[in-house]
Amino acid sequence: MTTLESIAAAIESNDPDLLDELVGGVCVSVADHPLAELDAVCKYLQSARQFDALGRVADAAIQQGHDGRMWGYLVQSLLDRGISTAAQASI
């Protein structure tokens, strides 16, 4: 099962602890994941309205040098969690 499939299964089974564990795993090993995979994970988290997890993955990716669209995901996660000042400062 891919990372994305595992995350999707955790969301569909409504298992927040498993989702947290899987997202944490992605964050600590973000350098091992191609940008396309990180982008797919972020798109899925965004569509599933998992904004905390989205922010964690995007932040970890940015810290590893994946700029560009990861900033958009981070800002989106901040806005959707009501953290508008930080989102505005990130733009």
Protein backbone atom coordinates (compact mmCIF):
# COMPACT_ATOMS: atom_id res chain seq x y z
CA MET A 1 0.00 0.00 0.00
CA THR A 2 1.38 3.43 -0.91
CA THR A 3 1.63 6.29 1.54
CA LEU A 4 -1.32 8.00 -0.10
CA GLU A 5 -3.43 4.84 0.03
CA SER A 6 -2.59 4.37 3.72
CA ILE A 7 -3.52 7.97 4.52
CA ALA A 8 -6.75 7.66 2.55
CA ALA A 9 -7.63 4.44 4.40
CA ALA A 10 -7.00 6.10 7.78
CA ILE A 11 -9.26 9.01 6.85
CA GLU A 12 -11.99 6.77 5.44
CA SER A 13 -11.93 4.57 8.54
CA ASN A 14 -12.07 7.68 10.73
CA ASP A 15 -8.91 6.72 12.61
CA PRO A 16 -7.27 9.99 13.72
CA ASP A 17 -4.51 8.22 15.64
CA LEU A 18 -3.45 6.24 12.58
CA LEU A 19 -3.65 9.37 10.42
CA ASP A 20 -1.45 11.22 12.91
CA GLU A 21 1.06 8.35 12.87
CA LEU A 22 1.13 8.16 9.07
CA VAL A 23 1.49 11.92 8.64
CA GLY A 24 4.26 11.94 11.25
CA GLY A 25 6.03 9.23 9.28
CA VAL A 26 5.83 11.28 6.11
CA CYS A 27 7.11 14.36 7.92
CA VAL A 28 10.20 12.67 9.36
CA SER A 29 11.04 10.98 6.07
CA VAL A 30 9.99 13.78 3.71
CA ALA A 31 13.41 13.76 2.01
CA ASP A 32 12.74 10.16 0.93
CA HIS A 33 9.51 11.07 -0.88
CA PRO A 34 9.48 12.52 -4.39
CA LEU A 35 7.81 15.91 -4.76
CA ALA A 36 5.04 14.37 -6.90
CA GLU A 37 4.13 12.00 -4.04
CA LEU A 38 4.14 14.83 -1.48
CA ASP A 39 1.98 16.89 -3.81
CA ALA A 40 -0.51 14.01 -4.18
CA VAL A 41 -0.64 13.54 -0.40
CA CYS A 42 -1.23 17.27 0.11
CA LYS A 43 -3.95 17.39 -2.55
CA TYR A 44 -5.71 14.47 -0.92
CA LEU A 45 -5.45 15.94 2.58
CA GLN A 46 -6.79 19.23 1.26
CA SER A 47 -9.76 17.57 -0.46
CA ALA A 48 -10.45 15.53 2.69
CA ARG A 49 -10.38 18.77 4.73
CA GLN A 50 -7.58 17.45 6.95
CA PHE A 51 -5.99 20.88 7.31
CA ASP A 52 -3.81 20.18 10.34
CA ALA A 53 -2.23 17.18 8.60
CA LEU A 54 -1.92 19.21 5.39
CA GLY A 55 -0.02 21.92 7.23
CA ARG A 56 2.32 19.42 8.84
CA VAL A 57 3.24 17.76 5.54
CA ALA A 58 3.61 21.07 3.69
CA ASP A 59 5.76 22.55 6.46
CA ALA A 60 8.03 19.49 6.54
CA ALA A 61 8.37 19.62 2.74
CA ILE A 62 9.25 23.33 2.81
CA GLN A 63 11.89 22.67 5.47
CA GLN A 64 13.48 20.15 3.09
CA GLY A 65 13.60 22.71 0.27
CA HIS A 66 10.37 21.88 -1.58
CA ASP A 67 9.13 25.40 -2.24
CA GLY A 68 6.50 26.48 -4.73
CA ARG A 69 3.18 24.72 -4.35
CA MET A 70 4.00 23.54 -0.81
CA TRP A 71 3.70 27.17 0.32
CA GLY A 72 0.21 27.25 -1.17
CA TYR A 73 -0.77 24.17 0.80
CA LEU A 74 0.68 25.61 3.99
CA VAL A 75 -1.17 28.91 3.56
CA GLN A 76 -4.39 27.03 2.75
CA SER A 77 -4.06 24.95 5.91
CA LEU A 78 -3.49 28.05 8.00
CA LEU A 79 -6.47 29.90 6.52
CA ASP A 80 -8.80 26.94 6.94
CA ARG A 81 -7.75 26.61 10.58
CA GLY A 82 -8.43 30.32 11.17
CA ILE A 83 -4.79 31.32 11.51
CA SER A 84 -5.06 34.21 9.10
CA THR A 85 -2.24 36.41 10.44
CA ALA A 86 0.35 33.68 9.92
CA ALA A 87 -1.15 32.90 6.51
CA GLN A 88 -0.88 36.55 5.44
CA ALA A 89 2.70 36.72 6.65
CA SER A 90 3.52 33.65 4.55
CA ILE A 91 2.31 35.19 1.30
